[in-house]
Amino acid sequence: KNYTVLGLHWGMYPGIRPDLVDDARRELTRL
């Protein structure tokens, strides 16, 4: 069927990609 299964463990991002967490926080505050 040509689709993708993706996992998400949000708790990993603060330690590995805190820059993306900052982006999300700014966007959530704006919204």
Full PDB file with SEQRES, HELIX, SHEET, SSBOND, CRYST1, ORIGX, SCALE, CONECT and MASTER records, all heavy atoms in Angstrom:
SEQRES   1 A   31  LYS ASN TYR THR VAL LEU GLY LEU HIS TRP GLY MET TYR          
SEQRES   2 A   31  PRO GLY ILE ARG PRO ASP LEU VAL ASP ASP ALA ARG ARG          
SEQRES   3 A   31  GLU LEU THR ARG LEU                                          
HELIX    1 AA1 TRP A   10  MET A   12  5                                   3    
HELIX    2 AA2 TYR A   13  ILE A   16  1                                   4    
HELIX    3 AA3 PRO A   18  ARG A   30  1                                  13    
CRYST1    1.000    1.000    1.000  90.00  90.00  90.00 P 1           1          
ORIGX1      1.000000  0.000000  0.000000        0.00000                         
ORIGX2      0.000000  1.000000  0.000000        0.00000                         
ORIGX3      0.000000  0.000000  1.000000        0.00000                         
SCALE1      1.000000  0.000000  0.000000        0.00000                         
SCALE2      0.000000  1.000000  0.000000        0.00000                         
SCALE3      0.000000  0.000000  1.000000        0.00000                         
ATOM      1  N   LYS A   1       0.805  -1.220   0.000  1.00  0.00           N  
ATOM      2  CA  LYS A   1       0.000   0.000   0.000  1.00  0.00           C  
ATOM      3  C   LYS A   1       0.842   1.275   0.000  1.00  0.00           C  
ATOM      4  O   LYS A   1       0.309   2.375  -0.126  1.00  0.00           O  
ATOM      5  CB  LYS A   1      -0.942   0.006   1.208  1.00  0.00           C  
ATOM      6  CG  LYS A   1      -2.072  -1.003   1.108  1.00  0.00           C  
ATOM      7  CD  LYS A   1      -3.201  -0.692   2.080  1.00  0.00           C  
ATOM      8  CE  LYS A   1      -3.942   0.569   1.707  1.00  0.00           C  
ATOM      9  NZ  LYS A   1      -5.102   0.831   2.584  1.00  0.00           N  
ATOM     10  N   ASN A   2       2.160   1.123   0.161  1.00  0.00           N  
ATOM     11  CA  ASN A   2       3.067   2.266   0.050  1.00  0.00           C  
ATOM     12  C   ASN A   2       2.783   3.343   1.101  1.00  0.00           C  
ATOM     13  O   ASN A   2       2.628   4.516   0.796  1.00  0.00           O  
ATOM     14  CB  ASN A   2       2.988   2.881  -1.348  1.00  0.00           C  
ATOM     15  CG  ASN A   2       4.317   3.497  -1.782  1.00  0.00           C  
ATOM     16  OD1 ASN A   2       5.302   2.776  -1.903  1.00  0.00           O  
ATOM     17  ND2 ASN A   2       4.339   4.799  -1.979  1.00  0.00           N  
ATOM     18  N   TYR A   3       2.717   2.917   2.374  1.00  0.00           N  
ATOM     19  CA  TYR A   3       2.564   3.884   3.458  1.00  0.00           C  
ATOM     20  C   TYR A   3       3.698   3.697   4.467  1.00  0.00           C  
ATOM     21  O   TYR A   3       4.492   2.756   4.363  1.00  0.00           O  
ATOM     22  CB  TYR A   3       1.199   3.762   4.133  1.00  0.00           C  
ATOM     23  CG  TYR A   3       0.894   2.459   4.835  1.00  0.00           C  
ATOM     24  CD1 TYR A   3       1.185   2.271   6.181  1.00  0.00           C  
ATOM     25  CD2 TYR A   3       0.267   1.409   4.149  1.00  0.00           C  
ATOM     26  CE1 TYR A   3       0.878   1.082   6.827  1.00  0.00           C  
ATOM     27  CE2 TYR A   3      -0.038   0.219   4.790  1.00  0.00           C  
ATOM     28  CZ  TYR A   3       0.276   0.054   6.125  1.00  0.00           C  
ATOM     29  OH  TYR A   3      -0.031  -1.123   6.765  1.00  0.00           O  
ATOM     30  N   THR A   4       3.777   4.598   5.420  1.00  0.00           N  
ATOM     31  CA  THR A   4       4.864   4.608   6.384  1.00  0.00           C  
ATOM     32  C   THR A   4       4.313   4.520   7.797  1.00  0.00           C  
ATOM     33  O   THR A   4       3.339   5.199   8.131  1.00  0.00           O  
ATOM     34  CB  THR A   4       5.698   5.900   6.249  1.00  0.00           C  
ATOM     35  OG1 THR A   4       6.191   6.014   4.914  1.00  0.00           O  
ATOM     36  CG2 THR A   4       6.861   5.909   7.228  1.00  0.00           C  
ATOM     37  N   VAL A   5       4.933   3.689   8.620  1.00  0.00           N  
ATOM     38  CA  VAL A   5       4.602   3.615  10.043  1.00  0.00           C  
ATOM     39  C   VAL A   5       5.741   4.293  10.807  1.00  0.00           C  
ATOM     40  O   VAL A   5       6.910   3.920  10.671  1.00  0.00           O  
ATOM     41  CB  VAL A   5       4.426   2.162  10.518  1.00  0.00           C  
ATOM     42  CG1 VAL A   5       4.133   2.126  12.017  1.00  0.00           C  
ATOM     43  CG2 VAL A   5       3.306   1.482   9.739  1.00  0.00           C  
ATOM     44  N   LEU A   6       5.380   5.295  11.606  1.00  0.00           N  
ATOM     45  CA  LEU A   6       6.360   6.095  12.331  1.00  0.00           C  
ATOM     46  C   LEU A   6       6.119   5.991  13.831  1.00  0.00           C  
ATOM     47  O   LEU A   6       4.969   6.018  14.288  1.00  0.00           O  
ATOM     48  CB  LEU A   6       6.250   7.568  11.919  1.00  0.00           C  
ATOM     49  CG  LEU A   6       6.473   7.877  10.444  1.00  0.00           C  
ATOM     50  CD1 LEU A   6       5.828   9.205  10.075  1.00  0.00           C  
ATOM     51  CD2 LEU A   6       7.962   7.916  10.143  1.00  0.00           C  
ATOM     52  N   GLY A   7       7.169   5.894  14.591  1.00  0.00           N  
ATOM     53  CA  GLY A   7       7.043   5.899  16.046  1.00  0.00           C  
ATOM     54  C   GLY A   7       7.297   7.291  16.592  1.00  0.00           C  
ATOM     55  O   GLY A   7       8.054   8.075  16.014  1.00  0.00           O  
ATOM     56  N   LEU A   8       6.662   7.598  17.710  1.00  0.00           N  
ATOM     57  CA  LEU A   8       6.912   8.870  18.383  1.00  0.00           C  
ATOM     58  C   LEU A   8       7.020   8.650  19.887  1.00  0.00           C  
ATOM     59  O   LEU A   8       6.046   8.291  20.545  1.00  0.00           O  
ATOM     60  CB  LEU A   8       5.798   9.893  18.096  1.00  0.00           C  
ATOM     61  CG  LEU A   8       5.910  11.173  18.940  1.00  0.00           C  
ATOM     62  CD1 LEU A   8       7.198  11.929  18.612  1.00  0.00           C  
ATOM     63  CD2 LEU A   8       4.702  12.075  18.747  1.00  0.00           C  
ATOM     64  N   HIS A   9       8.209   8.871  20.426  1.00  0.00           N  
ATOM     65  CA  HIS A   9       8.422   8.939  21.867  1.00  0.00           C  
ATOM     66  C   HIS A   9       8.864  10.370  22.153  1.00  0.00           C  
ATOM     67  O   HIS A   9      10.050  10.690  22.080  1.00  0.00           O  
ATOM     68  CB  HIS A   9       9.487   7.932  22.288  1.00  0.00           C  
ATOM     69  CG  HIS A   9       9.769   7.940  23.762  1.00  0.00           C  
ATOM     70  ND1 HIS A   9      10.820   7.262  24.326  1.00  0.00           N  
ATOM     71  CD2 HIS A   9       9.134   8.566  24.790  1.00  0.00           C  
ATOM     72  CE1 HIS A   9      10.829   7.465  25.631  1.00  0.00           C  
ATOM     73  NE2 HIS A   9       9.824   8.258  25.921  1.00  0.00           N  
ATOM     74  N   TRP A  10       7.886  11.235  22.469  1.00  0.00           N  
ATOM     75  CA  TRP A  10       8.175  12.656  22.638  1.00  0.00           C  
ATOM     76  C   TRP A  10       9.233  12.897  23.709  1.00  0.00           C  
ATOM     77  O   TRP A  10      10.060  13.811  23.598  1.00  0.00           O  
ATOM     78  CB  TRP A  10       6.901  13.418  23.003  1.00  0.00           C  
ATOM     79  CG  TRP A  10       7.179  14.806  23.474  1.00  0.00           C  
ATOM     80  CD1 TRP A  10       7.507  15.885  22.706  1.00  0.00           C  
ATOM     81  CD2 TRP A  10       7.209  15.269  24.837  1.00  0.00           C  
ATOM     82  NE1 TRP A  10       7.725  16.985  23.493  1.00  0.00           N  
ATOM     83  CE2 TRP A  10       7.557  16.636  24.805  1.00  0.00           C  
ATOM     84  CE3 TRP A  10       6.963  14.653  26.068  1.00  0.00           C  
ATOM     85  CZ2 TRP A  10       7.665  17.396  25.972  1.00  0.00           C  
ATOM     86  CZ3 TRP A  10       7.080  15.405  27.225  1.00  0.00           C  
ATOM     87  CH2 TRP A  10       7.428  16.768  27.166  1.00  0.00           C  
ATOM     88  N   GLY A  11       9.252  12.065  24.742  1.00  0.00           N  
ATOM     89  CA  GLY A  11      10.164  12.276  25.847  1.00  0.00           C  
ATOM     90  C   GLY A  11      11.634  12.216  25.473  1.00  0.00           C  
ATOM     91  O   GLY A  11      12.491  12.648  26.251  1.00  0.00           O  
ATOM     92  N   MET A  12      11.970  11.706  24.284  1.00  0.00           N  
ATOM     93  CA  MET A  12      13.364  11.653  23.858  1.00  0.00           C  
ATOM     94  C   MET A  12      13.868  12.997  23.334  1.00  0.00           C  
ATOM     95  O   MET A  12      15.072  13.264  23.356  1.00  0.00           O  
ATOM     96  CB  MET A  12      13.540  10.581  22.777  1.00  0.00           C  
ATOM     97  CG  MET A  12      13.258   9.161  23.230  1.00  0.00           C  
ATOM     98  SD  MET A  12      13.518   7.946  21.912  1.00  0.00           S  
ATOM     99  CE  MET A  12      15.301   8.022  21.730  1.00  0.00           C  
ATOM    100  N   TYR A  13      12.964  13.830  22.849  1.00  0.00           N  
ATOM    101  CA  TYR A  13      13.392  15.054  22.174  1.00  0.00           C  
ATOM    102  C   TYR A  13      14.091  16.069  23.080  1.00  0.00           C  
ATOM    103  O   TYR A  13      15.085  16.684  22.662  1.00  0.00           O  
ATOM    104  CB  TYR A  13      12.201  15.699  21.457  1.00  0.00           C  
ATOM    105  CG  TYR A  13      11.875  15.014  20.158  1.00  0.00           C  
ATOM    106  CD1 TYR A  13      10.928  13.994  20.117  1.00  0.00           C  
ATOM    107  CD2 TYR A  13      12.520  15.351  18.978  1.00  0.00           C  
ATOM    108  CE1 TYR A  13      10.630  13.336  18.936  1.00  0.00           C  
ATOM    109  CE2 TYR A  13      12.235  14.703  17.790  1.00  0.00           C  
ATOM    110  CZ  TYR A  13      11.290  13.690  17.772  1.00  0.00           C  
ATOM    111  OH  TYR A  13      11.002  13.035  16.605  1.00  0.00           O  
ATOM    112  N   PRO A  14      13.625  16.297  24.327  1.00  0.00           N  
ATOM    113  CA  PRO A  14      14.327  17.293  25.145  1.00  0.00           C  
ATOM    114  C   PRO A  14      15.804  16.986  25.326  1.00  0.00           C  
ATOM    115  O   PRO A  14      16.629  17.910  25.389  1.00  0.00           O  
ATOM    116  CB  PRO A  14      13.566  17.241  26.474  1.00  0.00           C  
ATOM    117  CG  PRO A  14      12.189  16.815  26.096  1.00  0.00           C  
ATOM    118  CD  PRO A  14      12.394  15.813  24.995  1.00  0.00           C  
ATOM    119  N   GLY A  15      16.170  15.711  25.411  1.00  0.00           N  
ATOM    120  CA  GLY A  15      17.568  15.364  25.606  1.00  0.00           C  
ATOM    121  C   GLY A  15      18.374  15.289  24.325  1.00  0.00           C  
ATOM    122  O   GLY A  15      19.598  15.471  24.347  1.00  0.00           O  
ATOM    123  N   ILE A  16      17.714  15.015  23.197  1.00  0.00           N  
ATOM    124  CA  ILE A  16      18.433  14.810  21.936  1.00  0.00           C  
ATOM    125  C   ILE A  16      18.305  15.996  20.988  1.00  0.00           C  
ATOM    126  O   ILE A  16      19.288  16.417  20.361  1.00  0.00           O  
ATOM    127  CB  ILE A  16      17.923  13.525  21.245  1.00  0.00           C  
ATOM    128  CG1 ILE A  16      18.184  12.307  22.142  1.00  0.00           C  
ATOM    129  CG2 ILE A  16      18.584  13.330  19.888  1.00  0.00           C  
ATOM    130  CD1 ILE A  16      17.602  11.017  21.614  1.00  0.00           C  
ATOM    131  N   ARG A  17      17.114  16.564  20.869  1.00  0.00           N  
ATOM    132  CA  ARG A  17      16.887  17.709  19.979  1.00  0.00           C  
ATOM    133  C   ARG A  17      16.130  18.815  20.712  1.00  0.00           C  
ATOM    134  O   ARG A  17      14.981  19.124  20.386  1.00  0.00           O  
ATOM    135  CB  ARG A  17      16.108  17.273  18.726  1.00  0.00           C  
ATOM    136  CG  ARG A  17      16.881  16.386  17.771  1.00  0.00           C  
ATOM    137  CD  ARG A  17      18.090  17.109  17.144  1.00  0.00           C  
ATOM    138  NE  ARG A  17      17.734  18.360  16.490  1.00  0.00           N  
ATOM    139  CZ  ARG A  17      17.354  18.457  15.205  1.00  0.00           C  
ATOM    140  NH1 ARG A  17      17.268  17.355  14.476  1.00  0.00           N  
ATOM    141  NH2 ARG A  17      17.072  19.628  14.675  1.00  0.00           N  
ATOM    142  N   PRO A  18      16.767  19.435  21.705  1.00  0.00           N  
ATOM    143  CA  PRO A  18      16.080  20.506  22.438  1.00  0.00           C  
ATOM    144  C   PRO A  18      15.708  21.690  21.562  1.00  0.00           C  
ATOM    145  O   PRO A  18      14.785  22.434  21.890  1.00  0.00           O  
ATOM    146  CB  PRO A  18      17.095  20.900  23.514  1.00  0.00           C  
ATOM    147  CG  PRO A  18      18.416  20.443  22.988  1.00  0.00           C  
ATOM    148  CD  PRO A  18      18.120  19.200  22.210  1.00  0.00           C  
ATOM    149  N   ASP A  19      16.395  21.859  20.441  1.00  0.00           N  
ATOM    150  CA  ASP A  19      16.050  22.947  19.522  1.00  0.00           C  
ATOM    151  C   ASP A  19      14.652  22.759  18.950  1.00  0.00           C  
ATOM    152  O   ASP A  19      13.900  23.728  18.781  1.00  0.00           O  
ATOM    153  CB  ASP A  19      17.079  23.034  18.387  1.00  0.00           C  
ATOM    154  CG  ASP A  19      17.193  21.714  17.615  1.00  0.00           C  
ATOM    155  OD1 ASP A  19      17.307  20.643  18.250  1.00  0.00           O  
ATOM    156  OD2 ASP A  19      17.179  21.753  16.368  1.00  0.00           O  
ATOM    157  N   LEU A  20      14.277  21.511  18.678  1.00  0.00           N  
ATOM    158  CA  LEU A  20      12.939  21.242  18.156  1.00  0.00           C  
ATOM    159  C   LEU A  20      11.882  21.456  19.230  1.00  0.00           C  
ATOM    160  O   LEU A  20      10.768  21.902  18.941  1.00  0.00           O  
ATOM    161  CB  LEU A  20      12.856  19.811  17.617  1.00  0.00           C  
ATOM    162  CG  LEU A  20      13.764  19.493  16.427  1.00  0.00           C  
ATOM    163  CD1 LEU A  20      13.633  18.025  16.048  1.00  0.00           C  
ATOM    164  CD2 LEU A  20      13.433  20.384  15.235  1.00  0.00           C  
ATOM    165  N   VAL A  21      12.230  21.137  20.478  1.00  0.00           N  
ATOM    166  CA  VAL A  21      11.310  21.382  21.589  1.00  0.00           C  
ATOM    167  C   VAL A  21      11.070  22.883  21.727  1.00  0.00           C  
ATOM    168  O   VAL A  21       9.931  23.333  21.928  1.00  0.00           O  
ATOM    169  CB  VAL A  21      11.871  20.793  22.896  1.00  0.00           C  
ATOM    170  CG1 VAL A  21      10.973  21.156  24.069  1.00  0.00           C  
ATOM    171  CG2 VAL A  21      12.000  19.278  22.776  1.00  0.00           C  
ATOM    172  N   ASP A  22      12.119  23.673  21.600  1.00  0.00           N  
ATOM    173  CA  ASP A  22      11.964  25.133  21.669  1.00  0.00           C  
ATOM    174  C   ASP A  22      11.050  25.635  20.555  1.00  0.00           C  
ATOM    175  O   ASP A  22      10.221  26.523  20.768  1.00  0.00           O  
ATOM    176  CB  ASP A  22      13.327  25.811  21.568  1.00  0.00           C  
ATOM    177  CG  ASP A  22      14.176  25.629  22.821  1.00  0.00           C  
ATOM    178  OD1 ASP A  22      13.602  25.320  23.873  1.00  0.00           O  
ATOM    179  OD2 ASP A  22      15.412  25.791  22.730  1.00  0.00           O  
ATOM    180  N   ASP A  23      11.211  25.069  19.354  1.00  0.00           N  
ATOM    181  CA  ASP A  23      10.337  25.457  18.241  1.00  0.00           C  
ATOM    182  C   ASP A  23       8.881  25.159  18.563  1.00  0.00           C  
ATOM    183  O   ASP A  23       7.980  25.975  18.309  1.00  0.00           O  
ATOM    184  CB  ASP A  23      10.735  24.699  16.964  1.00  0.00           C  
ATOM    185  CG  ASP A  23      12.071  25.153  16.392  1.00  0.00           C  
ATOM    186  OD1 ASP A  23      12.554  26.242  16.780  1.00  0.00           O  
ATOM    187  OD2 ASP A  23      12.631  24.406  15.570  1.00  0.00           O  
ATOM    188  N   ALA A  24       8.639  23.967  19.104  1.00  0.00           N  
ATOM    189  CA  ALA A  24       7.267  23.574  19.440  1.00  0.00           C  
ATOM    190  C   ALA A  24       6.686  24.487  20.515  1.00  0.00           C  
ATOM    191  O   ALA A  24       5.527  24.910  20.423  1.00  0.00           O  
ATOM    192  CB  ALA A  24       7.246  22.112  19.913  1.00  0.00           C  
ATOM    193  N   ARG A  25       7.472  24.811  21.529  1.00  0.00           N  
ATOM    194  CA  ARG A  25       6.985  25.680  22.594  1.00  0.00           C  
ATOM    195  C   ARG A  25       6.610  27.061  22.059  1.00  0.00           C  
ATOM    196  O   ARG A  25       5.578  27.623  22.441  1.00  0.00           O  
ATOM    197  CB  ARG A  25       8.063  25.811  23.674  1.00  0.00           C  
ATOM    198  CG  ARG A  25       8.286  24.542  24.479  1.00  0.00           C  
ATOM    199  CD  ARG A  25       9.520  24.663  25.356  1.00  0.00           C  
ATOM    200  NE  ARG A  25       9.707  23.506  26.225  1.00  0.00           N  
ATOM    201  CZ  ARG A  25      10.779  23.307  26.977  1.00  0.00           C  
ATOM    202  NH1 ARG A  25      11.767  24.191  26.966  1.00  0.00           N  
ATOM    203  NH2 ARG A  25      10.866  22.227  27.746  1.00  0.00           N  
ATOM    204  N   ARG A  26       7.457  27.607  21.196  1.00  0.00           N  
ATOM    205  CA  ARG A  26       7.151  28.926  20.625  1.00  0.00           C  
ATOM    206  C   ARG A  26       5.866  28.884  19.812  1.00  0.00           C  
ATOM    207  O   ARG A  26       5.028  29.793  19.892  1.00  0.00           O  
ATOM    208  CB  ARG A  26       8.313  29.401  19.749  1.00  0.00           C  
ATOM    209  CG  ARG A  26       9.494  29.963  20.522  1.00  0.00           C  
ATOM    210  CD  ARG A  26      10.471  30.656  19.606  1.00  0.00           C  
ATOM    211  NE  ARG A  26      11.147  29.704  18.727  1.00  0.00           N  
ATOM    212  CZ  ARG A  26      12.295  29.104  19.019  1.00  0.00           C  
ATOM    213  NH1 ARG A  26      12.891  29.343  20.183  1.00  0.00           N  
ATOM    214  NH2 ARG A  26      12.854  28.264  18.175  1.00  0.00           N  
ATOM    215  N   GLU A  27       5.697  27.828  19.027  1.00  0.00           N  
ATOM    216  CA  GLU A  27       4.507  27.731  18.195  1.00  0.00           C  
ATOM    217  C   GLU A  27       3.251  27.517  19.043  1.00  0.00           C  
ATOM    218  O   GLU A  27       2.200  28.103  18.768  1.00  0.00           O  
ATOM    219  CB  GLU A  27       4.667  26.597  17.186  1.00  0.00           C  
ATOM    220  CG  GLU A  27       3.504  26.419  16.228  1.00  0.00           C  
ATOM    221  CD  GLU A  27       3.271  27.613  15.310  1.00  0.00           C  
ATOM    222  OE1 GLU A  27       4.076  28.568  15.305  1.00  0.00           O  
ATOM    223  OE2 GLU A  27       2.257  27.589  14.574  1.00  0.00           O  
ATOM    224  N   LEU A  28       3.344  26.702  20.069  1.00  0.00           N  
ATOM    225  CA  LEU A  28       2.193  26.471  20.936  1.00  0.00           C  
ATOM    226  C   LEU A  28       1.801  27.746  21.676  1.00  0.00           C  
ATOM    227  O   LEU A  28       0.612  28.041  21.834  1.00  0.00           O  
ATOM    228  CB  LEU A  28       2.495  25.352  21.931  1.00  0.00           C  
ATOM    229  CG  LEU A  28       2.641  23.950  21.335  1.00  0.00           C  
ATOM    230  CD1 LEU A  28       3.061  22.954  22.396  1.00  0.00           C  
ATOM    231  CD2 LEU A  28       1.347  23.500  20.658  1.00  0.00           C  
ATOM    232  N   THR A  29       2.786  28.503  22.119  1.00  0.00           N  
ATOM    233  CA  THR A  29       2.497  29.777  22.779  1.00  0.00           C  
ATOM    234  C   THR A  29       1.805  30.725  21.814  1.00  0.00           C  
ATOM    235  O   THR A  29       0.818  31.400  22.169  1.00  0.00           O  
ATOM    236  CB  THR A  29       3.788  30.405  23.319  1.00  0.00           C  
ATOM    237  OG1 THR A  29       4.363  29.527  24.295  1.00  0.00           O  
ATOM    238  CG2 THR A  29       3.515  31.760  23.963  1.00  0.00           C  
ATOM    239  N   ARG A  30       2.310  30.785  20.581  1.00  0.00           N  
ATOM    240  CA  ARG A  30       1.695  31.664  19.581  1.00  0.00           C  
ATOM    241  C   ARG A  30       0.252  31.261  19.314  1.00  0.00           C  
ATOM    242  O   ARG A  30      -0.652  32.114  19.273  1.00  0.00           O  
ATOM    243  CB  ARG A  30       2.499  31.611  18.281  1.00  0.00           C  
ATOM    244  CG  ARG A  30       1.992  32.561  17.201  1.00  0.00           C  
ATOM    245  CD  ARG A  30       2.697  32.328  15.882  1.00  0.00           C  
ATOM    246  NE  ARG A  30       2.322  31.074  15.258  1.00  0.00           N  
ATOM    247  CZ  ARG A  30       1.209  30.897  14.550  1.00  0.00           C  
ATOM    248  NH1 ARG A  30       0.335  31.898  14.404  1.00  0.00           N  
ATOM    249  NH2 ARG A  30       0.949  29.726  14.005  1.00  0.00           N  
ATOM    250  N   LEU A  31       0.010  29.973  19.145  1.00  0.00           N  
ATOM    251  CA  LEU A  31      -1.339  29.497  18.849  1.00  0.00           C  
ATOM    252  C   LEU A  31      -2.279  29.706  20.032  1.00  0.00           C  
ATOM    253  O   LEU A  31      -3.447  30.058  19.859  1.00  0.00           O  
ATOM    254  CB  LEU A  31      -1.294  28.022  18.455  1.00  0.00           C  
ATOM    255  CG  LEU A  31      -0.646  27.697  17.111  1.00  0.00           C  
ATOM    256  CD1 LEU A  31      -0.446  26.189  16.961  1.00  0.00           C  
ATOM    257  CD2 LEU A  31      -1.481  28.235  15.963  1.00  0.00           C  
TER     258      LEU A  31                                                      
MASTER        0    0    0    3    0    0    0    6  257    1    0    3          
END                                                                             
